[in-house]
Amino acid sequence: MYIYDANRGHLATAVRLAHTVVPQVLGRLEFWGFFALHIVITILFRLDIIPEFQAKGSIVRLDWNDVKVTTAITIFFEVFYTNTCFTRYLKFYEKTRKLLVDVIMVIFDLRLYLKALEPQHARLTARYFLASLLLFFHHVNIKRKVVSLQKWEETLQSKLILPEEQAFLRSIQSSERALIVLHWSTDVFVLGHSKARLPNNIMKAVVEKLQKAFMTMQELEDTLHLPVPFQYFHLLNLMVCVNLVLWAYSMGAAESTFGIVVYFFSELIFMGMMELASMLADPYGDDDVDFPVSSWLQEFFEKAVQLLEYSYTHGSEVDGWDSVLKAQGPLDVTLTGSASHPQENPRTGLLEGGQGWVSANSWKANATVGGRRDGPGHRDGSLGNIDEVDHYSEADDDDDDGDE
């Protein structure tokens, strides 16, 4: 996935070829086939070999108004197809990232509830859970054969799945391995939960998160297996080809010398949109628009391990909070050099200053809690009598109405 700079100039962006669909389109033989057809028709027309191309009443004359009909229909079908593929792309992104966030949420619960009492159960539950995600994306990548992802998966599998576990999983279909290992993770957690004698609601919460993770995996796989129907895709490709042939004929028979340039870029854009839509329809590959799944997995796996295994030492305490609690004083988040009395903007009614943008009446109400206007609340941090805030706000509103 290429992250671009939207602030670059239009021309600098337009002439860029790297990370675009232009190289793929120009690498297709059919692109040059259509363009060669246009060149042949142009040469025949320029040499008057077939002069009746544009002669009125000729049976081979093609009116541009007739071409507009097929062009309009093709554009509508292509835009609809591209929009559908982009909607799938966004859904894949949302679900994939959600699945990775679910990893952190499960590890968070393991660290919070189980790690201190049964650390080995917590570690094994986490290992199986991470392994199930790895096996799921490995299954997704089987048909795509992304070399960089395959090498990364092989390296990580050796750390997350033991040799005897791998031997067992080889006897199971690829589509079922992630589910089996996820069940292992759930089973180990239930055993650890029982041994640690944790409340039942904790088991229910963690098991539900593990089940939701599988539901997300299944939803991703189901969406992958439900592309735009082939019948629609076939008609769209047929319309694109017919439209390019009609353009090649009508622009080649035109008197303008710029017909070749116009046809080249029109064909490039038409076929480029089809190429881009096909890339968006399946973002688990190695195209420029595809997700960096290996980087995402590595990032979240490292976060998960760090969350589960870190230890915080404060003085002589390890993962203890007694000394920290004793040392904790009143919170102070005032920015250095911030304005103590923000100024009201007469046009917007908002206050501009070090405290950020807030409504004027809201700041006035907070500033007069306890009967003072020198800052929000008392100097000791208390809010005083909240009734005074409401009383002042209502009176202040009345004064403002009277001024108007």
Foldseek 3Di string as FASTA:
>chain_A
DDDDDPPDDPVVVVPDDPQACLVVLVPDPVLVVLLVLLVVLLVCCVVVVPVCQCPPPDPNDDDVVVLVVLVVVLVVLLVVLLVVLLVLLVVLVVLVVVLLVLLQVLLLLCQVPQCVQPVVLSVLLSLLLLVLVLLLLVVVCPVQPAPVSVVLSVVVCVVSAPPVRVVVLVVPDSNCSSVVSLVVSLVSVVVSCVVSVDDPVSNVVSVVSSVVSVVSSVVSVVLLVDHPDVVSVVVSVVSLVVSSNSLSSNLSNDPDPCSSVVSSVVSSVSVSSVVVSVCSNRQSHPRSNHDPVSVSSVVSVVVSCCSNPDWDDDPPDIPDCPVVVVPDDDDDDQDPPKDQDFDADVVPQWGDISVDTDHVLVFQLQCCQVHHNRHGDDPVPDRHDNVSSVVVSVVVVVVVVVVD
